[in-house]
N, C-alpha and C. Protein backbone atom coordinates (compact mmCIF):
# COMPACT_ATOMS: atom_id res chain seq x y z
N MET A 1 114.81 -55.23 367.58
CA MET A 1 113.65 -54.51 368.08
C MET A 1 112.58 -55.52 368.47
N ASP A 2 111.94 -55.26 369.59
CA ASP A 2 110.89 -56.14 370.09
C ASP A 2 109.91 -55.25 370.85
N ARG A 3 108.86 -54.79 370.13
CA ARG A 3 107.95 -53.81 370.74
C ARG A 3 106.50 -54.21 370.50
N PRO A 4 105.61 -53.90 371.44
CA PRO A 4 104.18 -54.13 371.21
C PRO A 4 103.68 -53.28 370.06
N VAL A 5 102.72 -53.80 369.30
CA VAL A 5 102.16 -53.04 368.18
C VAL A 5 101.61 -51.70 368.67
N ALA A 6 101.06 -51.67 369.87
CA ALA A 6 100.48 -50.44 370.40
C ALA A 6 101.50 -49.32 370.51
N GLU A 7 102.80 -49.68 370.59
CA GLU A 7 103.85 -48.65 370.70
C GLU A 7 104.45 -48.27 369.35
N LEU A 8 104.13 -49.01 368.29
CA LEU A 8 104.73 -48.72 366.98
C LEU A 8 104.20 -47.44 366.36
N GLY A 9 102.93 -47.13 366.60
CA GLY A 9 102.34 -45.90 366.06
C GLY A 9 102.44 -45.84 364.55
N ARG A 10 103.04 -44.77 364.02
CA ARG A 10 103.14 -44.57 362.58
C ARG A 10 104.04 -45.58 361.88
N LEU A 11 104.82 -46.32 362.65
CA LEU A 11 105.69 -47.35 362.06
C LEU A 11 104.92 -48.64 361.73
N THR A 12 103.69 -48.77 362.23
CA THR A 12 102.95 -50.02 362.04
C THR A 12 102.75 -50.36 360.57
N TYR A 13 102.27 -49.39 359.79
CA TYR A 13 102.00 -49.62 358.36
C TYR A 13 103.27 -50.00 357.60
N PRO A 14 104.36 -49.22 357.66
CA PRO A 14 105.57 -49.64 356.94
C PRO A 14 106.19 -50.91 357.51
N MET A 15 106.03 -51.15 358.81
CA MET A 15 106.57 -52.38 359.41
C MET A 15 105.89 -53.60 358.79
N LEU A 16 104.56 -53.59 358.72
CA LEU A 16 103.84 -54.72 358.14
C LEU A 16 104.16 -54.88 356.66
N ASN A 17 104.32 -53.78 355.95
CA ASN A 17 104.67 -53.84 354.53
C ASN A 17 106.03 -54.49 354.31
N CYS A 18 106.96 -54.27 355.24
CA CYS A 18 108.28 -54.88 355.12
C CYS A 18 108.25 -56.36 355.52
N LEU A 19 107.42 -56.70 356.50
CA LEU A 19 107.38 -58.08 356.97
C LEU A 19 106.60 -58.99 356.04
N VAL A 20 105.48 -58.51 355.52
CA VAL A 20 104.63 -59.35 354.67
C VAL A 20 104.90 -58.98 353.22
N ALA A 21 105.93 -59.58 352.67
CA ALA A 21 106.38 -59.23 351.32
C ALA A 21 107.18 -60.40 350.75
N PRO A 22 107.27 -60.52 349.44
CA PRO A 22 106.61 -59.67 348.43
C PRO A 22 105.12 -59.97 348.34
N ARG A 23 104.39 -59.01 347.79
CA ARG A 23 102.94 -59.13 347.70
C ARG A 23 102.50 -58.97 346.25
N PRO A 24 101.61 -59.87 345.78
CA PRO A 24 101.06 -59.68 344.43
C PRO A 24 100.20 -58.42 344.40
N ILE A 25 99.97 -57.93 343.21
CA ILE A 25 99.25 -56.65 343.06
C ILE A 25 97.94 -56.88 342.33
N ALA A 26 96.85 -56.44 342.95
CA ALA A 26 95.56 -56.41 342.27
C ALA A 26 95.44 -55.03 341.61
N TRP A 27 95.42 -55.03 340.30
CA TRP A 27 95.27 -53.77 339.55
C TRP A 27 93.78 -53.66 339.24
N VAL A 28 93.07 -52.92 340.06
CA VAL A 28 91.61 -52.98 340.08
C VAL A 28 91.00 -51.88 339.21
N SER A 29 90.20 -52.30 338.24
CA SER A 29 89.46 -51.34 337.42
C SER A 29 88.01 -51.32 337.89
N THR A 30 87.48 -50.10 337.99
CA THR A 30 86.10 -49.89 338.40
C THR A 30 85.52 -48.76 337.56
N VAL A 31 84.21 -48.56 337.67
CA VAL A 31 83.56 -47.37 337.11
C VAL A 31 82.68 -46.77 338.19
N ASP A 32 82.51 -45.46 338.13
CA ASP A 32 81.59 -44.83 339.07
C ASP A 32 80.18 -44.86 338.50
N ALA A 33 79.25 -44.27 339.22
CA ALA A 33 77.85 -44.31 338.79
C ALA A 33 77.64 -43.65 337.44
N ALA A 34 78.52 -42.70 337.07
CA ALA A 34 78.41 -42.01 335.79
C ALA A 34 79.18 -42.72 334.68
N GLY A 35 79.87 -43.81 335.01
CA GLY A 35 80.61 -44.56 334.00
C GLY A 35 82.05 -44.16 333.83
N VAL A 36 82.58 -43.26 334.69
CA VAL A 36 83.98 -42.85 334.60
C VAL A 36 84.86 -43.97 335.12
N VAL A 37 85.88 -44.34 334.36
CA VAL A 37 86.77 -45.45 334.71
C VAL A 37 87.80 -45.03 335.74
N ASN A 38 88.04 -45.92 336.69
CA ASN A 38 89.12 -45.73 337.67
C ASN A 38 89.99 -46.98 337.63
N LEU A 39 91.28 -46.79 337.75
CA LEU A 39 92.23 -47.91 337.77
C LEU A 39 93.28 -47.63 338.82
N ALA A 40 93.45 -48.58 339.75
CA ALA A 40 94.41 -48.37 340.84
C ALA A 40 94.97 -49.69 341.34
N PRO A 41 96.25 -49.69 341.75
CA PRO A 41 96.87 -50.91 342.29
C PRO A 41 96.64 -51.05 343.79
N HIS A 42 96.48 -52.30 344.21
CA HIS A 42 96.30 -52.62 345.64
C HIS A 42 97.13 -53.86 345.93
N SER A 43 98.12 -53.72 346.83
CA SER A 43 99.04 -54.84 347.04
C SER A 43 98.68 -55.70 348.25
N TYR A 44 97.58 -55.42 348.92
CA TYR A 44 97.06 -56.35 349.92
C TYR A 44 96.01 -57.18 349.20
N PHE A 45 96.44 -58.29 348.59
CA PHE A 45 95.61 -59.00 347.64
C PHE A 45 95.89 -60.50 347.68
N THR A 46 94.82 -61.30 347.66
CA THR A 46 95.00 -62.74 347.62
C THR A 46 93.69 -63.44 347.25
N VAL A 47 93.76 -64.77 347.17
CA VAL A 47 92.58 -65.60 346.98
C VAL A 47 91.95 -65.85 348.34
N ALA A 48 90.66 -65.63 348.46
CA ALA A 48 89.96 -65.90 349.71
C ALA A 48 89.32 -67.27 349.72
N SER A 49 88.91 -67.76 348.53
CA SER A 49 88.25 -69.06 348.41
C SER A 49 88.36 -69.54 346.97
N ALA A 50 88.53 -70.85 346.81
CA ALA A 50 88.58 -71.43 345.47
C ALA A 50 87.20 -71.90 345.02
N VAL A 51 86.44 -72.50 345.93
CA VAL A 51 85.08 -72.95 345.63
C VAL A 51 84.17 -72.55 346.78
N PRO A 52 83.38 -71.49 346.63
CA PRO A 52 83.26 -70.66 345.43
C PRO A 52 84.50 -69.80 345.20
N ALA A 53 84.65 -69.34 343.98
CA ALA A 53 85.82 -68.55 343.61
C ALA A 53 85.67 -67.12 344.14
N VAL A 54 86.54 -66.75 345.08
CA VAL A 54 86.46 -65.43 345.70
C VAL A 54 87.87 -64.83 345.80
N LEU A 55 88.02 -63.61 345.32
CA LEU A 55 89.25 -62.85 345.49
C LEU A 55 89.02 -61.77 346.54
N GLN A 56 90.09 -61.37 347.20
CA GLN A 56 89.98 -60.28 348.17
C GLN A 56 91.16 -59.33 348.00
N PHE A 57 90.88 -58.05 348.19
CA PHE A 57 91.95 -57.06 348.28
C PHE A 57 91.53 -56.02 349.30
N THR A 58 92.50 -55.28 349.78
CA THR A 58 92.23 -54.28 350.80
C THR A 58 92.47 -52.88 350.26
N SER A 59 91.49 -52.03 350.46
CA SER A 59 91.67 -50.60 350.21
C SER A 59 92.17 -49.99 351.51
N VAL A 60 93.38 -49.45 351.49
CA VAL A 60 93.91 -48.78 352.68
C VAL A 60 93.36 -47.35 352.66
N GLY A 61 92.37 -47.11 353.49
CA GLY A 61 91.64 -45.84 353.45
C GLY A 61 90.49 -45.95 352.45
N ARG A 62 89.60 -44.98 352.49
CA ARG A 62 88.44 -45.00 351.60
C ARG A 62 88.79 -44.27 350.31
N LYS A 63 89.17 -45.03 349.30
CA LYS A 63 89.62 -44.48 348.02
C LYS A 63 88.55 -44.63 346.96
N ASP A 64 88.81 -44.05 345.76
CA ASP A 64 87.84 -44.10 344.67
C ASP A 64 87.46 -45.53 344.31
N THR A 65 88.44 -46.44 344.31
CA THR A 65 88.16 -47.84 344.00
C THR A 65 87.05 -48.38 344.90
N LEU A 66 87.20 -48.18 346.20
CA LEU A 66 86.23 -48.69 347.16
C LEU A 66 84.87 -48.03 346.98
N ARG A 67 84.87 -46.72 346.82
CA ARG A 67 83.59 -46.01 346.65
C ARG A 67 82.87 -46.49 345.39
N ASN A 68 83.61 -46.70 344.31
CA ASN A 68 82.98 -47.17 343.07
C ASN A 68 82.39 -48.57 343.23
N ILE A 69 83.13 -49.45 343.90
CA ILE A 69 82.65 -50.82 344.09
C ILE A 69 81.40 -50.82 344.97
N GLU A 70 81.40 -50.01 346.00
CA GLU A 70 80.22 -49.93 346.86
C GLU A 70 79.02 -49.38 346.10
N ALA A 71 79.27 -48.49 345.13
CA ALA A 71 78.17 -47.89 344.36
C ALA A 71 77.64 -48.81 343.28
N THR A 72 78.53 -49.62 342.66
CA THR A 72 78.11 -50.42 341.50
C THR A 72 78.11 -51.93 341.75
N GLY A 73 78.88 -52.38 342.74
CA GLY A 73 78.94 -53.81 343.05
C GLY A 73 79.80 -54.61 342.09
N GLU A 74 80.67 -53.96 341.31
CA GLU A 74 81.47 -54.67 340.30
C GLU A 74 82.90 -54.15 340.26
N PHE A 75 83.81 -55.04 339.88
CA PHE A 75 85.20 -54.64 339.66
C PHE A 75 85.92 -55.72 338.88
N VAL A 76 87.09 -55.36 338.34
CA VAL A 76 87.95 -56.30 337.63
C VAL A 76 89.34 -56.25 338.26
N VAL A 77 89.89 -57.43 338.55
CA VAL A 77 91.28 -57.52 339.01
C VAL A 77 92.14 -57.89 337.81
N ASN A 78 92.99 -56.96 337.40
CA ASN A 78 93.94 -57.19 336.31
C ASN A 78 95.28 -57.57 336.93
N LEU A 79 95.94 -58.58 336.37
CA LEU A 79 97.23 -59.01 336.90
C LEU A 79 98.36 -58.16 336.31
N VAL A 80 99.44 -58.06 337.08
CA VAL A 80 100.49 -57.10 336.77
C VAL A 80 101.79 -57.79 336.34
N PRO A 81 102.18 -57.68 335.07
CA PRO A 81 103.49 -58.17 334.64
C PRO A 81 104.57 -57.11 334.91
N TRP A 82 105.79 -57.57 335.01
CA TRP A 82 106.92 -56.66 335.27
C TRP A 82 107.00 -55.56 334.21
N SER A 83 106.66 -55.88 332.98
CA SER A 83 106.78 -54.91 331.89
C SER A 83 105.86 -53.70 332.07
N LEU A 84 104.83 -53.82 332.90
CA LEU A 84 103.88 -52.73 333.10
C LEU A 84 104.04 -52.02 334.44
N ARG A 85 105.14 -52.28 335.15
CA ARG A 85 105.29 -51.72 336.49
C ARG A 85 105.24 -50.19 336.50
N THR A 86 105.78 -49.54 335.48
CA THR A 86 105.76 -48.08 335.44
C THR A 86 104.33 -47.56 335.28
N GLN A 87 103.57 -48.19 334.39
CA GLN A 87 102.17 -47.79 334.21
C GLN A 87 101.34 -48.07 335.46
N VAL A 88 101.60 -49.20 336.09
CA VAL A 88 100.87 -49.53 337.33
C VAL A 88 101.15 -48.48 338.39
N ASN A 89 102.41 -48.13 338.55
CA ASN A 89 102.77 -47.13 339.54
C ASN A 89 102.11 -45.79 339.22
N LEU A 90 102.04 -45.43 337.95
CA LEU A 90 101.40 -44.17 337.56
C LEU A 90 99.93 -44.15 337.96
N THR A 91 99.26 -45.30 337.88
CA THR A 91 97.83 -45.32 338.22
C THR A 91 97.59 -45.25 339.73
N SER A 92 98.65 -45.22 340.53
CA SER A 92 98.49 -45.04 341.97
C SER A 92 98.41 -43.55 342.34
N ILE A 93 98.50 -42.68 341.35
CA ILE A 93 98.50 -41.24 341.58
C ILE A 93 97.20 -40.80 342.28
N ASP A 94 97.30 -39.81 343.13
CA ASP A 94 96.14 -39.31 343.87
C ASP A 94 95.37 -38.29 343.03
N ALA A 95 94.91 -38.73 341.87
CA ALA A 95 94.18 -37.85 340.94
C ALA A 95 92.75 -37.64 341.40
N PRO A 96 92.11 -36.57 340.94
CA PRO A 96 90.69 -36.37 341.26
C PRO A 96 89.85 -37.54 340.74
N ALA A 97 88.68 -37.71 341.33
CA ALA A 97 87.83 -38.87 341.03
C ALA A 97 87.40 -38.93 339.57
N ASP A 98 87.35 -37.78 338.87
CA ASP A 98 86.88 -37.78 337.49
C ASP A 98 87.99 -38.02 336.47
N VAL A 99 89.20 -38.35 336.95
CA VAL A 99 90.33 -38.62 336.04
C VAL A 99 90.36 -40.12 335.73
N ASP A 100 90.45 -40.45 334.46
CA ASP A 100 90.54 -41.83 334.00
C ASP A 100 92.02 -42.24 334.02
N GLU A 101 92.43 -42.99 335.05
CA GLU A 101 93.84 -43.37 335.19
C GLU A 101 94.28 -44.30 334.07
N LEU A 102 93.37 -45.06 333.53
CA LEU A 102 93.70 -45.96 332.43
C LEU A 102 94.18 -45.14 331.23
N ALA A 103 93.47 -44.07 330.91
CA ALA A 103 93.88 -43.18 329.82
C ALA A 103 95.15 -42.43 330.19
N LEU A 104 95.25 -42.01 331.44
CA LEU A 104 96.43 -41.27 331.91
C LEU A 104 97.70 -42.08 331.71
N ALA A 105 97.62 -43.39 331.91
CA ALA A 105 98.79 -44.25 331.79
C ALA A 105 98.99 -44.75 330.36
N GLY A 106 98.15 -44.30 329.41
CA GLY A 106 98.31 -44.70 328.02
C GLY A 106 97.95 -46.15 327.76
N LEU A 107 97.00 -46.66 328.54
CA LEU A 107 96.59 -48.06 328.42
C LEU A 107 95.31 -48.19 327.60
N THR A 108 95.00 -49.40 327.22
CA THR A 108 93.85 -49.66 326.36
C THR A 108 92.76 -50.39 327.13
N MET A 109 91.52 -49.92 326.98
CA MET A 109 90.39 -50.60 327.59
C MET A 109 89.95 -51.77 326.74
N ARG A 110 89.56 -52.85 327.39
CA ARG A 110 88.94 -53.98 326.71
C ARG A 110 87.64 -54.28 327.44
N PRO A 111 86.52 -54.34 326.74
CA PRO A 111 85.25 -54.58 327.44
C PRO A 111 85.27 -55.92 328.17
N SER A 112 84.72 -55.91 329.37
CA SER A 112 84.55 -57.15 330.12
C SER A 112 83.31 -57.87 329.60
N ARG A 113 83.17 -59.15 329.94
CA ARG A 113 82.03 -59.93 329.47
C ARG A 113 80.85 -59.90 330.44
N THR A 114 81.13 -59.77 331.75
CA THR A 114 80.06 -59.92 332.73
C THR A 114 79.85 -58.72 333.63
N VAL A 115 80.78 -57.75 333.60
CA VAL A 115 80.66 -56.56 334.46
C VAL A 115 80.93 -55.31 333.63
N ARG A 116 80.56 -54.17 334.18
CA ARG A 116 80.75 -52.90 333.45
C ARG A 116 82.18 -52.39 333.43
N PRO A 117 82.95 -52.52 334.52
CA PRO A 117 84.34 -52.04 334.45
C PRO A 117 85.12 -52.78 333.37
N PRO A 118 85.97 -52.07 332.64
CA PRO A 118 86.74 -52.73 331.58
C PRO A 118 87.94 -53.46 332.12
N ARG A 119 88.47 -54.34 331.30
CA ARG A 119 89.76 -54.95 331.58
C ARG A 119 90.85 -54.02 331.04
N VAL A 120 92.08 -54.24 331.50
CA VAL A 120 93.25 -53.59 330.91
C VAL A 120 93.75 -54.52 329.81
N ALA A 121 93.69 -54.07 328.57
CA ALA A 121 94.04 -54.94 327.44
C ALA A 121 95.48 -55.42 327.52
N GLU A 122 96.37 -54.61 328.07
CA GLU A 122 97.79 -54.97 328.12
C GLU A 122 98.11 -55.98 329.23
N SER A 123 97.19 -56.20 330.13
CA SER A 123 97.41 -57.17 331.21
C SER A 123 97.26 -58.59 330.68
N PRO A 124 98.10 -59.52 331.13
CA PRO A 124 98.01 -60.89 330.63
C PRO A 124 96.84 -61.68 331.18
N ALA A 125 96.20 -61.20 332.24
CA ALA A 125 95.09 -61.93 332.83
C ALA A 125 94.21 -60.99 333.64
N ALA A 126 92.93 -61.34 333.69
CA ALA A 126 91.98 -60.52 334.44
C ALA A 126 90.88 -61.40 335.00
N ALA A 127 90.34 -60.98 336.15
CA ALA A 127 89.23 -61.68 336.78
C ALA A 127 88.10 -60.68 337.00
N GLU A 128 86.96 -60.94 336.39
CA GLU A 128 85.79 -60.08 336.54
C GLU A 128 85.04 -60.51 337.80
N CYS A 129 84.73 -59.54 338.66
CA CYS A 129 84.19 -59.87 339.98
C CYS A 129 82.93 -59.09 340.32
N ARG A 130 82.08 -59.74 341.11
CA ARG A 130 80.89 -59.11 341.66
C ARG A 130 81.07 -59.03 343.18
N LEU A 131 80.79 -57.89 343.75
CA LEU A 131 80.99 -57.66 345.18
C LEU A 131 80.15 -58.62 346.02
N ILE A 132 80.80 -59.25 346.99
CA ILE A 132 80.10 -60.03 348.00
C ILE A 132 79.88 -59.18 349.24
N GLU A 133 80.98 -58.63 349.77
CA GLU A 133 80.88 -57.75 350.93
C GLU A 133 82.18 -56.99 351.13
N VAL A 134 82.09 -55.93 351.94
CA VAL A 134 83.26 -55.18 352.37
C VAL A 134 83.32 -55.29 353.89
N ARG A 135 84.47 -55.70 354.39
CA ARG A 135 84.69 -55.77 355.83
C ARG A 135 85.67 -54.68 356.22
N SER A 136 85.22 -53.74 357.05
CA SER A 136 86.05 -52.59 357.40
C SER A 136 86.64 -52.74 358.80
N PHE A 137 87.88 -52.28 358.94
CA PHE A 137 88.57 -52.28 360.23
C PHE A 137 88.97 -50.85 360.54
N GLY A 138 88.13 -50.14 361.25
CA GLY A 138 88.41 -48.77 361.61
C GLY A 138 87.97 -47.78 360.54
N ASP A 139 88.20 -46.48 360.84
CA ASP A 139 87.74 -45.41 359.95
C ASP A 139 88.84 -44.42 359.57
N GLY A 140 90.05 -44.59 360.07
CA GLY A 140 91.11 -43.62 359.82
C GLY A 140 91.69 -43.73 358.42
N PRO A 141 92.64 -42.86 358.08
CA PRO A 141 93.22 -42.83 356.73
C PRO A 141 93.98 -44.10 356.36
N LEU A 142 94.42 -44.89 357.34
CA LEU A 142 95.12 -46.14 357.06
C LEU A 142 94.28 -47.36 357.43
N ALA A 143 93.01 -47.15 357.72
CA ALA A 143 92.14 -48.27 358.07
C ALA A 143 91.95 -49.18 356.86
N GLY A 144 91.84 -50.47 357.11
CA GLY A 144 91.68 -51.44 356.03
C GLY A 144 90.22 -51.74 355.75
N HIS A 145 89.87 -51.72 354.46
CA HIS A 145 88.52 -52.09 354.02
C HIS A 145 88.70 -53.25 353.05
N VAL A 146 88.42 -54.47 353.53
CA VAL A 146 88.68 -55.67 352.75
C VAL A 146 87.48 -55.95 351.84
N VAL A 147 87.75 -55.99 350.55
CA VAL A 147 86.72 -56.20 349.53
C VAL A 147 86.76 -57.66 349.10
N PHE A 148 85.62 -58.34 349.21
CA PHE A 148 85.50 -59.73 348.76
C PHE A 148 84.65 -59.75 347.50
N GLY A 149 85.16 -60.35 346.44
CA GLY A 149 84.43 -60.39 345.19
C GLY A 149 84.34 -61.79 344.63
N GLU A 150 83.15 -62.19 344.20
CA GLU A 150 82.98 -63.48 343.53
C GLU A 150 83.48 -63.37 342.11
N VAL A 151 84.34 -64.29 341.70
CA VAL A 151 84.89 -64.29 340.34
C VAL A 151 83.85 -64.87 339.39
N LEU A 152 83.45 -64.05 338.41
CA LEU A 152 82.46 -64.47 337.43
C LEU A 152 83.09 -64.95 336.13
N GLN A 153 84.23 -64.37 335.78
CA GLN A 153 84.86 -64.66 334.48
C GLN A 153 86.36 -64.49 334.63
N VAL A 154 87.12 -65.40 334.05
CA VAL A 154 88.58 -65.31 334.06
C VAL A 154 89.06 -65.26 332.61
N ALA A 155 89.91 -64.30 332.31
CA ALA A 155 90.49 -64.18 330.97
C ALA A 155 92.01 -64.24 331.08
N VAL A 156 92.63 -65.13 330.31
CA VAL A 156 94.09 -65.27 330.34
C VAL A 156 94.61 -65.29 328.91
N ASP A 157 95.62 -64.49 328.65
CA ASP A 157 96.27 -64.46 327.33
C ASP A 157 96.87 -65.84 327.05
N PRO A 158 96.53 -66.46 325.92
CA PRO A 158 97.09 -67.78 325.60
C PRO A 158 98.62 -67.81 325.62
N ALA A 159 99.25 -66.67 325.41
CA ALA A 159 100.72 -66.62 325.38
C ALA A 159 101.35 -66.93 326.72
N VAL A 160 100.57 -66.84 327.82
CA VAL A 160 101.15 -67.10 329.15
C VAL A 160 100.63 -68.41 329.74
N LEU A 161 99.98 -69.23 328.91
CA LEU A 161 99.50 -70.53 329.38
C LEU A 161 100.56 -71.60 329.18
N ALA A 162 100.68 -72.49 330.16
CA ALA A 162 101.58 -73.64 330.05
C ALA A 162 100.86 -74.78 329.33
N ASP A 163 101.55 -75.88 329.13
CA ASP A 163 100.97 -77.02 328.42
C ASP A 163 99.76 -77.61 329.13
N ASP A 164 99.67 -77.41 330.45
CA ASP A 164 98.53 -77.95 331.20
C ASP A 164 97.32 -77.03 331.17
N GLY A 165 97.42 -75.93 330.41
CA GLY A 165 96.30 -75.01 330.28
C GLY A 165 96.19 -73.98 331.39
N LEU A 166 97.13 -73.99 332.33
CA LEU A 166 97.13 -73.04 333.44
C LEU A 166 98.18 -71.95 333.21
N PRO A 167 97.97 -70.77 333.82
CA PRO A 167 98.97 -69.70 333.67
C PRO A 167 100.33 -70.12 334.22
N ASP A 168 101.37 -69.72 333.52
CA ASP A 168 102.75 -69.98 333.93
C ASP A 168 103.32 -68.67 334.46
N LEU A 169 103.68 -68.64 335.74
CA LEU A 169 104.15 -67.40 336.35
C LEU A 169 105.41 -66.87 335.69
N GLN A 170 106.25 -67.76 335.19
CA GLN A 170 107.46 -67.31 334.50
C GLN A 170 107.09 -66.59 333.20
N LEU A 171 106.09 -67.11 332.50
CA LEU A 171 105.65 -66.45 331.27
C LEU A 171 104.91 -65.15 331.56
N MET A 172 104.16 -65.13 332.66
CA MET A 172 103.47 -63.90 333.04
C MET A 172 104.45 -62.83 333.51
N ASP A 173 105.59 -63.28 334.06
CA ASP A 173 106.64 -62.37 334.55
C ASP A 173 106.04 -61.36 335.53
N SER A 174 105.37 -61.92 336.53
CA SER A 174 104.61 -61.09 337.47
C SER A 174 105.49 -60.16 338.29
N ALA A 175 104.94 -58.98 338.57
CA ALA A 175 105.60 -58.01 339.44
C ALA A 175 104.96 -58.10 340.82
N ALA A 176 105.72 -57.73 341.84
CA ALA A 176 105.21 -57.75 343.21
C ALA A 176 105.74 -56.54 343.97
N ARG A 177 104.97 -56.12 344.97
CA ARG A 177 105.42 -55.05 345.85
C ARG A 177 106.20 -55.65 347.00
N GLY A 178 107.23 -54.94 347.42
CA GLY A 178 108.04 -55.39 348.53
C GLY A 178 108.10 -54.35 349.63
N ASP A 179 109.26 -54.23 350.23
CA ASP A 179 109.45 -53.28 351.32
C ASP A 179 109.67 -51.87 350.77
N ARG A 180 109.28 -50.89 351.54
CA ARG A 180 109.47 -49.49 351.19
C ARG A 180 108.94 -49.20 349.78
N MET A 181 109.73 -48.59 348.91
CA MET A 181 109.30 -48.30 347.54
C MET A 181 109.74 -49.37 346.56
N ASN A 182 110.21 -50.48 347.04
CA ASN A 182 110.80 -51.51 346.19
C ASN A 182 109.75 -52.41 345.54
N TRP A 183 109.98 -52.71 344.27
CA TRP A 183 109.19 -53.68 343.52
C TRP A 183 110.10 -54.87 343.23
N TYR A 184 109.50 -56.04 343.08
CA TYR A 184 110.29 -57.24 342.86
C TYR A 184 109.79 -58.03 341.66
N ARG A 185 110.73 -58.73 341.06
CA ARG A 185 110.45 -59.61 339.93
C ARG A 185 110.70 -61.05 340.38
N LEU A 186 109.89 -61.99 339.89
CA LEU A 186 110.07 -63.37 340.28
C LEU A 186 111.42 -63.91 339.83
N GLY A 187 112.01 -64.75 340.66
CA GLY A 187 113.24 -65.43 340.28
C GLY A 187 112.93 -66.80 339.70
N ASP A 188 113.94 -67.65 339.65
CA ASP A 188 113.75 -69.00 339.12
C ASP A 188 112.96 -69.85 340.10
N PRO A 189 112.03 -70.68 339.60
CA PRO A 189 111.24 -71.52 340.49
C PRO A 189 112.05 -72.71 341.00
N GLU A 190 111.66 -73.21 342.15
CA GLU A 190 112.23 -74.44 342.70
C GLU A 190 111.08 -75.36 343.08
N PRO A 191 110.79 -76.37 342.27
CA PRO A 191 109.69 -77.27 342.60
C PRO A 191 109.96 -78.04 343.90
N ILE A 192 109.01 -78.01 344.82
CA ILE A 192 109.10 -78.74 346.08
C ILE A 192 107.79 -79.50 346.25
N GLU A 193 107.88 -80.83 346.23
CA GLU A 193 106.67 -81.64 346.32
C GLU A 193 106.07 -81.56 347.72
N ARG A 194 104.76 -81.39 347.78
CA ARG A 194 104.07 -81.31 349.06
C ARG A 194 104.06 -82.69 349.71
N PRO A 195 104.39 -82.79 351.01
CA PRO A 195 104.42 -84.11 351.66
C PRO A 195 103.02 -84.66 351.90
N SER A 196 102.95 -85.97 352.03
CA SER A 196 101.69 -86.65 352.31
C SER A 196 101.92 -87.63 353.44
N TRP A 197 101.03 -87.65 354.43
CA TRP A 197 101.19 -88.56 355.57
C TRP A 197 100.99 -90.02 355.12
N GLN A 198 100.02 -90.22 354.23
CA GLN A 198 99.73 -91.58 353.75
C GLN A 198 100.55 -91.86 352.49
N PRO A 199 101.03 -93.09 352.33
CA PRO A 199 101.77 -93.44 351.10
C PRO A 199 100.88 -93.28 349.88
N ARG A 200 101.47 -92.86 348.79
CA ARG A 200 100.68 -92.68 347.56
C ARG A 200 100.72 -93.93 346.70
């Protein structure tokens, strides 16, 4: 198949999901103005900047997560281990705004240090973020609203730290979204040294 994007129509969203995969999952916890907790997964997620520390994720359509962040300016990105994939998927449910998905999935809240939204206690790592800006592309139900957040605090379970003090992906056993309804688990790593033009 070789077609212009303009001709793909409804196939555009699933086509991009199949091509750009696997994708890490931002399990985003927020609160609304009344303090009701919301928890939802977003698989369009990555690091936008290291210095300053900025994470980004995309809300596909205007969902509770986005509305809460716009109202409060705060959110937490919880990382997703394979062992929690069922709970993560459950929190993607299209529940009413006043439903606490964290409680629905039988998860435990842990207070954050710098923002109001809680962390997910069962997650091996979390990043507390303050909203920088939202960049929107269109207004339709599949339009992307890219959320940029400055990382204020990082929490990592010591059990998933390597000897160098950094998280070990094998210990975290991270889950990722793939094509269609498929989820993926990391395989064995293969170290490949980055080349350098100048001799070291």
